[in-house]
PDB file of N, CA and C in Angstrom:
ATOM      1  N   UNK A   1      18.064 212.135  35.355  1.00  0.00           N
ATOM      2  CA  UNK A   1      18.965 212.117  36.482  1.00  0.00           C
ATOM      3  C   UNK A   1      18.851 213.389  37.315  1.00  0.00           C
ATOM      4  N   UNK A   2      17.782 214.098  37.182  1.00  0.00           N
ATOM      5  CA  UNK A   2      17.646 215.369  37.886  1.00  0.00           C
ATOM      6  C   UNK A   2      17.510 215.201  39.390  1.00  0.00           C
ATOM      7  N   UNK A   3      17.260 213.995  39.884  1.00  0.00           N
ATOM      8  CA  UNK A   3      17.116 213.800  41.316  1.00  0.00           C
ATOM      9  C   UNK A   3      18.464 213.687  42.026  1.00  0.00           C
ATOM     10  N   UNK A   4      19.551 213.755  41.300  1.00  0.00           N
ATOM     11  CA  UNK A   4      20.904 213.702  41.866  1.00  0.00           C
ATOM     12  C   UNK A   4      21.542 215.083  41.733  1.00  0.00           C
ATOM     13  N   UNK A   5      22.334 215.499  42.729  1.00  0.00           N
ATOM     14  CA  UNK A   5      22.916 216.846  42.682  1.00  0.00           C
ATOM     15  C   UNK A   5      24.000 217.052  41.621  1.00  0.00           C
ATOM     16  N   UNK A   6      24.597 215.967  41.151  1.00  0.00           N
ATOM     17  CA  UNK A   6      25.653 216.077  40.136  1.00  0.00           C
ATOM     18  C   UNK A   6      25.262 215.214  38.938  1.00  0.00           C
ATOM     19  N   UNK A   7      25.469 215.734  37.738  1.00  0.00           N
ATOM     20  CA  UNK A   7      25.078 214.990  36.543  1.00  0.00           C
ATOM     21  C   UNK A   7      25.974 215.351  35.367  1.00  0.00           C
ATOM     22  N   UNK A   8      26.074 214.404  34.450  1.00  0.00           N
ATOM     23  CA  UNK A   8      26.824 214.629  33.213  1.00  0.00           C
ATOM     24  C   UNK A   8      26.211 213.755  32.125  1.00  0.00           C
ATOM     25  N   UNK A   9      26.407 214.178  30.895  1.00  0.00           N
ATOM     26  CA  UNK A   9      25.899 213.440  29.744  1.00  0.00           C
ATOM     27  C   UNK A   9      27.052 213.076  28.825  1.00  0.00           C
ATOM     28  N   UNK A  10      27.086 211.808  28.442  1.00  0.00           N
ATOM     29  CA  UNK A  10      28.036 211.328  27.442  1.00  0.00           C
ATOM     30  C   UNK A  10      27.249 211.095  26.159  1.00  0.00           C
ATOM     31  N   UNK A  11      27.731 211.627  25.044  1.00  0.00           N
ATOM     32  CA  UNK A  11      27.075 211.415  23.759  1.00  0.00           C
ATOM     33  C   UNK A  11      28.071 210.779  22.804  1.00  0.00           C
ATOM     34  N   UNK A  12      27.663 209.668  22.207  1.00  0.00           N
ATOM     35  CA  UNK A  12      28.507 208.930  21.271  1.00  0.00           C
ATOM     36  C   UNK A  12      27.803 208.917  19.921  1.00  0.00           C
ATOM     37  N   UNK A  13      28.493 209.354  18.878  1.00  0.00           N
ATOM     38  CA  UNK A  13      27.904 209.427  17.535  1.00  0.00           C
ATOM     39  C   UNK A  13      28.490 208.317  16.653  1.00  0.00           C
ATOM     40  N   UNK A  14      27.628 207.755  15.810  1.00  0.00           N
ATOM     41  CA  UNK A  14      28.005 206.628  14.961  1.00  0.00           C
ATOM     42  C   UNK A  14      27.671 206.932  13.507  1.00  0.00           C
ATOM     43  N   UNK A  15      28.248 206.151  12.585  1.00  0.00           N
ATOM     44  CA  UNK A  15      28.007 206.410  11.159  1.00  0.00           C
ATOM     45  C   UNK A  15      26.541 206.258  10.751  1.00  0.00           C
ATOM     46  N   UNK A  16      25.806 205.392  11.455  1.00  0.00           N
ATOM     47  CA  UNK A  16      24.399 205.194  11.105  1.00  0.00           C
ATOM     48  C   UNK A  16      23.604 204.761  12.330  1.00  0.00           C
ATOM     49  N   UNK A  17      22.296 204.764  12.185  1.00  0.00           N
ATOM     50  CA  UNK A  17      21.426 204.436  13.314  1.00  0.00           C
ATOM     51  C   UNK A  17      21.481 202.956  13.682  1.00  0.00           C
ATOM     52  N   UNK A  18      21.833 202.095  12.722  1.00  0.00           N
ATOM     53  CA  UNK A  18      21.960 200.672  13.039  1.00  0.00           C
ATOM     54  C   UNK A  18      23.084 200.435  14.042  1.00  0.00           C
ATOM     55  N   UNK A  19      24.232 201.057  13.803  1.00  0.00           N
ATOM     56  CA  UNK A  19      25.366 200.918  14.721  1.00  0.00           C
ATOM     57  C   UNK A  19      25.007 201.485  16.091  1.00  0.00           C
ATOM     58  N   UNK A  20      24.375 202.641  16.102  1.00  0.00           N
ATOM     59  CA  UNK A  20      23.968 203.255  17.372  1.00  0.00           C
ATOM     60  C   UNK A  20      22.976 202.359  18.107  1.00  0.00           C
ATOM     61  N   UNK A  21      22.073 201.754  17.372  1.00  0.00           N
ATOM     62  CA  UNK A  21      21.090 200.867  17.986  1.00  0.00           C
ATOM     63  C   UNK A  21      21.722 199.656  18.633  1.00  0.00           C
ATOM     64  N   UNK A  22      22.727 199.089  17.971  1.00  0.00           N
ATOM     65  CA  UNK A  22      23.415 197.929  18.537  1.00  0.00           C
ATOM     66  C   UNK A  22      24.172 198.297  19.807  1.00  0.00           C
ATOM     67  N   UNK A  23      24.861 199.426  19.795  1.00  0.00           N
ATOM     68  CA  UNK A  23      25.599 199.867  20.981  1.00  0.00           C
ATOM     69  C   UNK A  23      24.622 200.174  22.113  1.00  0.00           C
ATOM     70  N   UNK A  24      23.563 200.892  21.813  1.00  0.00           N
ATOM     71  CA  UNK A  24      22.578 201.236  22.844  1.00  0.00           C
ATOM     72  C   UNK A  24      21.954 199.980  23.449  1.00  0.00           C
ATOM     73  N   UNK A  25      21.625 199.014  22.617  1.00  0.00           N
ATOM     74  CA  UNK A  25      21.030 197.774  23.120  1.00  0.00           C
ATOM     75  C   UNK A  25      22.002 197.018  24.020  1.00  0.00           C
ATOM     76  N   UNK A  26      23.267 197.023  23.639  1.00  0.00           N
ATOM     77  CA  UNK A  26      24.273 196.311  24.431  1.00  0.00           C
ATOM     78  C   UNK A  26      24.459 196.939  25.808  1.00  0.00           C
ATOM     79  N   UNK A  27      24.591 198.251  25.856  1.00  0.00           N
ATOM     80  CA  UNK A  27      24.862 198.887  27.150  1.00  0.00           C
ATOM     81  C   UNK A  27      23.599 199.084  27.984  1.00  0.00           C
ATOM     82  N   UNK A  28      22.447 199.167  27.362  1.00  0.00           N
ATOM     83  CA  UNK A  28      21.196 199.349  28.112  1.00  0.00           C
ATOM     84  C   UNK A  28      20.932 198.193  29.070  1.00  0.00           C
ATOM     85  N   UNK A  29      21.418 197.021  28.725  1.00  0.00           N
ATOM     86  CA  UNK A  29      21.226 195.850  29.580  1.00  0.00           C
ATOM     87  C   UNK A  29      21.868 196.024  30.949  1.00  0.00           C
ATOM     88  N   UNK A  30      22.840 196.909  31.039  1.00  0.00           N
ATOM     89  CA  UNK A  30      23.586 197.087  32.284  1.00  0.00           C
ATOM     90  C   UNK A  30      22.987 198.136  33.217  1.00  0.00           C
ATOM     91  N   UNK A  31      21.992 198.875  32.778  1.00  0.00           N
ATOM     92  CA  UNK A  31      21.480 200.001  33.573  1.00  0.00           C
ATOM     93  C   UNK A  31      21.078 199.571  34.980  1.00  0.00           C
ATOM     94  N   UNK A  32      20.223 198.602  35.122  1.00  0.00           N
ATOM     95  CA  UNK A  32      19.767 198.195  36.451  1.00  0.00           C
ATOM     96  C   UNK A  32      20.817 197.395  37.215  1.00  0.00           C
ATOM     97  N   UNK A  33      21.757 196.802  36.487  1.00  0.00           N
ATOM     98  CA  UNK A  33      22.795 196.001  37.130  1.00  0.00           C
ATOM     99  C   UNK A  33      23.874 196.860  37.778  1.00  0.00           C
ATOM    100  N   UNK A  34      24.151 198.021  37.216  1.00  0.00           N
ATOM    101  CA  UNK A  34      25.271 198.846  37.667  1.00  0.00           C
ATOM    102  C   UNK A  34      24.845 199.962  38.609  1.00  0.00           C
ATOM    103  N   UNK A  35      23.638 200.444  38.484  1.00  0.00           N
ATOM    104  CA  UNK A  35      23.199 201.542  39.350  1.00  0.00           C
ATOM    105  C   UNK A  35      23.441 201.185  40.812  1.00  0.00           C
ATOM    106  N   UNK A  36      23.971 202.138  41.549  1.00  0.00           N
ATOM    107  CA  UNK A  36      24.256 201.910  42.959  1.00  0.00           C
ATOM    108  C   UNK A  36      23.526 202.894  43.842  1.00  0.00           C
ATOM    109  N   UNK A  37      23.926 202.926  45.093  1.00  0.00           N
ATOM    110  CA  UNK A  37      23.306 203.841  46.043  1.00  0.00           C
ATOM    111  C   UNK A  37      23.656 205.292  45.745  1.00  0.00           C
ATOM    112  N   UNK A  38      24.849 205.519  45.169  1.00  0.00           N
ATOM    113  CA  UNK A  38      25.327 206.892  44.990  1.00  0.00           C
ATOM    114  C   UNK A  38      25.239 207.401  43.564  1.00  0.00           C
ATOM    115  N   UNK A  39      24.911 206.528  42.603  1.00  0.00           N
ATOM    116  CA  UNK A  39      24.823 206.981  41.212  1.00  0.00           C
ATOM    117  C   UNK A  39      23.818 206.139  40.437  1.00  0.00           C
ATOM    118  N   UNK A  40      23.387 206.683  39.313  1.00  0.00           N
ATOM    119  CA  UNK A  40      22.452 205.996  38.427  1.00  0.00           C
ATOM    120  C   UNK A  40      22.644 206.545  37.020  1.00  0.00           C
ATOM    121  N   UNK A  41      22.201 205.765  36.042  1.00  0.00           N
ATOM    122  CA  UNK A  41      22.358 206.190  34.648  1.00  0.00           C
ATOM    123  C   UNK A  41      21.157 205.757  33.824  1.00  0.00           C
ATOM    124  N   UNK A  42      20.964 206.462  32.719  1.00  0.00           N
ATOM    125  CA  UNK A  42      19.988 206.067  31.714  1.00  0.00           C
ATOM    126  C   UNK A  42      20.694 206.070  30.364  1.00  0.00           C
ATOM    127  N   UNK A  43      20.217 205.221  29.469  1.00  0.00           N
ATOM    128  CA  UNK A  43      20.772 205.131  28.118  1.00  0.00           C
ATOM    129  C   UNK A  43      19.636 205.367  27.135  1.00  0.00           C
ATOM    130  N   UNK A  44      19.883 206.229  26.156  1.00  0.00           N
ATOM    131  CA  UNK A  44      18.880 206.487  25.124  1.00  0.00           C
ATOM    132  C   UNK A  44      19.577 206.633  23.774  1.00  0.00           C
ATOM    133  N   UNK A  45      18.786 206.492  22.725  1.00  0.00           N
ATOM    134  CA  UNK A  45      19.328 206.638  21.372  1.00  0.00           C
ATOM    135  C   UNK A  45      18.457 207.601  20.603  1.00  0.00           C
ATOM    136  N   UNK A  46      19.107 208.455  19.833  1.00  0.00           N
ATOM    137  CA  UNK A  46      18.411 209.381  18.947  1.00  0.00           C
ATOM    138  C   UNK A  46      19.098 209.288  17.595  1.00  0.00           C
ATOM    139  N   UNK A  47      18.513 208.511  16.699  1.00  0.00           N
ATOM    140  CA  UNK A  47      19.129 208.331  15.386  1.00  0.00           C
ATOM    141  C   UNK A  47      20.472 207.638  15.506  1.00  0.00           C
ATOM    142  N   UNK A  48      21.519 208.306  15.050  1.00  0.00           N
ATOM    143  CA  UNK A  48      22.861 207.729  15.045  1.00  0.00           C
ATOM    144  C   UNK A  48      23.667 208.114  16.283  1.00  0.00           C
ATOM    145  N   UNK A  49      22.996 208.569  17.321  1.00  0.00           N
ATOM    146  CA  UNK A  49      23.693 208.967  18.552  1.00  0.00           C
ATOM    147  C   UNK A  49      23.154 208.186  19.744  1.00  0.00           C
ATOM    148  N   UNK A  50      24.073 207.807  20.628  1.00  0.00           N
ATOM    149  CA  UNK A  50      23.716 207.162  21.889  1.00  0.00           C
ATOM    150  C   UNK A  50      24.056 208.140  23.001  1.00  0.00           C
ATOM    151  N   UNK A  51      23.113 208.296  23.914  1.00  0.00           N
ATOM    152  CA  UNK A  51      23.303 209.239  25.019  1.00  0.00           C
ATOM    153  C   UNK A  51      23.233 208.477  26.336  1.00  0.00           C
ATOM    154  N   UNK A  52      24.225 208.717  27.188  1.00  0.00           N
ATOM    155  CA  UNK A  52      24.243 208.140  28.530  1.00  0.00           C
ATOM    156  C   UNK A  52      24.211 209.298  29.520  1.00  0.00           C
ATOM    157  N   UNK A  53      23.151 209.377  30.300  1.00  0.00           N
ATOM    158  CA  UNK A  53      23.021 210.396  31.337  1.00  0.00           C
ATOM    159  C   UNK A  53      23.371 209.753  32.673  1.00  0.00           C
ATOM    160  N   UNK A  54      24.353 210.321  33.350  1.00  0.00           N
ATOM    161  CA  UNK A  54      24.807 209.794  34.635  1.00  0.00           C
ATOM    162  C   UNK A  54      24.533 210.838  35.705  1.00  0.00           C
ATOM    163  N   UNK A  55      23.905 210.415  36.783  1.00  0.00           N
ATOM    164  CA  UNK A  55      23.663 211.289  37.919  1.00  0.00           C
ATOM    165  C   UNK A  55      24.279 210.676  39.158  1.00  0.00           C
ATOM    166  N   UNK A  56      24.775 211.522  40.064  1.00  0.00           N
ATOM    167  CA  UNK A  56      25.441 211.005  41.258  1.00  0.00           C
ATOM    168  C   UNK A  56      25.240 211.933  42.445  1.00  0.00           C
ATOM    169  N   UNK A  57      25.401 211.350  43.616  1.00  0.00           N
ATOM    170  CA  UNK A  57      25.264 212.113  44.854  1.00  0.00           C
ATOM    171  C   UNK A  57      26.495 212.949  45.164  1.00  0.00           C
ATOM    172  N   UNK A  58      27.649 212.553  44.624  1.00  0.00           N
ATOM    173  CA  UNK A  58      28.886 213.299  44.875  1.00  0.00           C
ATOM    174  C   UNK A  58      29.790 213.180  43.650  1.00  0.00           C
ATOM    175  N   UNK A  59      30.822 214.001  43.618  1.00  0.00           N
ATOM    176  CA  UNK A  59      31.688 214.048  42.435  1.00  0.00           C
ATOM    177  C   UNK A  59      32.514 212.785  42.249  1.00  0.00           C
ATOM    178  N   UNK A  60      32.898 212.133  43.331  1.00  0.00           N
ATOM    179  CA  UNK A  60      33.650 210.878  43.209  1.00  0.00           C
ATOM    180  C   UNK A  60      32.780 209.818  42.535  1.00  0.00           C
ATOM    181  N   UNK A  61      31.534 209.715  42.957  1.00  0.00           N
ATOM    182  CA  UNK A  61      30.614 208.754  42.348  1.00  0.00           C
ATOM    183  C   UNK A  61      30.320 209.116  40.891  1.00  0.00           C
ATOM    184  N   UNK A  62      30.250 210.404  40.588  1.00  0.00           N
ATOM    185  CA  UNK A  62      30.026 210.830  39.204  1.00  0.00           C
ATOM    186  C   UNK A  62      31.196 210.419  38.322  1.00  0.00           C
ATOM    187  N   UNK A  63      32.414 210.667  38.788  1.00  0.00           N
ATOM    188  CA  UNK A  63      33.600 210.277  38.022  1.00  0.00           C
ATOM    189  C   UNK A  63      33.618 208.767  37.797  1.00  0.00           C
ATOM    190  N   UNK A  64      33.338 208.004  38.843  1.00  0.00           N
ATOM    191  CA  UNK A  64      33.320 206.547  38.715  1.00  0.00           C
ATOM    192  C   UNK A  64      32.249 206.098  37.721  1.00  0.00           C
ATOM    193  N   UNK A  65      31.078 206.714  37.792  1.00  0.00           N
ATOM    194  CA  UNK A  65      30.011 206.366  36.862  1.00  0.00           C
ATOM    195  C   UNK A  65      30.369 206.688  35.420  1.00  0.00           C
ATOM    196  N   UNK A  66      30.970 207.845  35.203  1.00  0.00           N
ATOM    197  CA  UNK A  66      31.382 208.225  33.841  1.00  0.00           C
ATOM    198  C   UNK A  66      32.431 207.260  33.304  1.00  0.00           C
ATOM    199  N   UNK A  67      33.387 206.883  34.144  1.00  0.00           N
ATOM    200  CA  UNK A  67      34.413 205.926  33.716  1.00  0.00           C
ATOM    201  C   UNK A  67      33.795 204.575  33.376  1.00  0.00           C
ATOM    202  N   UNK A  68      32.884 204.119  34.216  1.00  0.00           N
ATOM    203  CA  UNK A  68      32.232 202.828  33.985  1.00  0.00           C
ATOM    204  C   UNK A  68      31.458 202.821  32.677  1.00  0.00           C
ATOM    205  N   UNK A  69      30.631 203.839  32.463  1.00  0.00           N
ATOM    206  CA  UNK A  69      29.798 203.865  31.258  1.00  0.00           C
ATOM    207  C   UNK A  69      30.620 204.099  30.003  1.00  0.00           C
ATOM    208  N   UNK A  70      31.673 204.884  30.091  1.00  0.00           N
ATOM    209  CA  UNK A  70      32.575 205.060  28.940  1.00  0.00           C
ATOM    210  C   UNK A  70      33.208 203.729  28.562  1.00  0.00           C
ATOM    211  N   UNK A  71      33.622 202.966  29.568  1.00  0.00           N
ATOM    212  CA  UNK A  71      34.228 201.656  29.311  1.00  0.00           C
ATOM    213  C   UNK A  71      33.229 200.688  28.698  1.00  0.00           C
ATOM    214  N   UNK A  72      32.001 200.687  29.199  1.00  0.00           N
ATOM    215  CA  UNK A  72      30.982 199.798  28.642  1.00  0.00           C
ATOM    216  C   UNK A  72      30.697 200.116  27.182  1.00  0.00           C
ATOM    217  N   UNK A  73      30.603 201.384  26.860  1.00  0.00           N
ATOM    218  CA  UNK A  73      30.370 201.781  25.469  1.00  0.00           C
ATOM    219  C   UNK A  73      31.569 201.387  24.613  1.00  0.00           C
ATOM    220  N   UNK A  74      32.772 201.569  25.123  1.00  0.00           N
ATOM    221  CA  UNK A  74      33.971 201.198  24.368  1.00  0.00           C
ATOM    222  C   UNK A  74      33.982 199.703  24.056  1.00  0.00           C
ATOM    223  N   UNK A  75      33.612 198.875  25.013  1.00  0.00           N
ATOM    224  CA  UNK A  75      33.556 197.429  24.784  1.00  0.00           C
ATOM    225  C   UNK A  75      32.508 197.103  23.723  1.00  0.00           C
ATOM    226  N   UNK A  76      31.354 197.742  23.795  1.00  0.00           N
ATOM    227  CA  UNK A  76      30.306 197.518  22.793  1.00  0.00           C
ATOM    228  C   UNK A  76      30.786 197.937  21.407  1.00  0.00           C
ATOM    229  N   UNK A  77      31.510 199.054  21.329  1.00  0.00           N
ATOM    230  CA  UNK A  77      32.038 199.515  20.043  1.00  0.00           C
ATOM    231  C   UNK A  77      33.059 198.530  19.481  1.00  0.00           C
ATOM    232  N   UNK A  78      33.935 198.008  20.342  1.00  0.00           N
ATOM    233  CA  UNK A  78      34.926 197.031  19.871  1.00  0.00           C
ATOM    234  C   UNK A  78      34.252 195.759  19.387  1.00  0.00           C
ATOM    235  N   UNK A  79      33.205 195.343  20.070  1.00  0.00           N
ATOM    236  CA  UNK A  79      32.461 194.157  19.643  1.00  0.00           C
ATOM    237  C   UNK A  79      31.808 194.389  18.290  1.00  0.00           C
ATOM    238  N   UNK A  80      31.265 195.574  18.102  1.00  0.00           N
ATOM    239  CA  UNK A  80      30.644 195.933  16.827  1.00  0.00           C
ATOM    240  C   UNK A  80      31.677 195.915  15.704  1.00  0.00           C
ATOM    241  N   UNK A  81      32.859 196.461  15.971  1.00  0.00           N
ATOM    242  CA  UNK A  81      33.932 196.469  14.971  1.00  0.00           C
ATOM    243  C   UNK A  81      34.373 195.051  14.630  1.00  0.00           C
ATOM    244  N   UNK A  82      34.423 194.173  15.629  1.00  0.00           N
ATOM    245  CA  UNK A  82      34.837 192.791  15.392  1.00  0.00           C
ATOM    246  C   UNK A  82      33.830 192.064  14.505  1.00  0.00           C
ATOM    247  N   UNK A  83      32.556 192.343  14.713  1.00  0.00           N
ATOM    248  CA  UNK A  83      31.508 191.710  13.913  1.00  0.00           C
ATOM    249  C   UNK A  83      31.516 192.255  12.492  1.00  0.00           C
ATOM    250  N   UNK A  84      31.705 193.579  12.368  1.00  0.00           N
ATOM    251  CA  UNK A  84      31.715 194.203  11.044  1.00  0.00           C
ATOM    252  C   UNK A  84      32.974 193.865  10.264  1.00  0.00           C
ATOM    253  N   UNK A  85      34.027 193.496  10.990  1.00  0.00           N
ATOM    254  CA  UNK A  85      35.274 193.089  10.356  1.00  0.00           C
ATOM    255  C   UNK A  85      35.978 194.222   9.781  1.00  0.00           C
TER     256      UNK A  85
END
């Protein structure tokens, strides 16, 4: 996200790499669907951690992007919990 003047990274840690992989796979599907003119994001996984890098042209777009991606990860986590029971 270095091509945008404002950027932030969200890192989510999980008990194991399987859980992180499921969350990353779920939210990665949204990358091209959600990116707009003023912001963009990437999703990556490193072991048991999922990283979402958000870049934006302005602080309002950055805040909106962070809120959106936090919500998407939260939904994926709730779905994972429902499956795991």
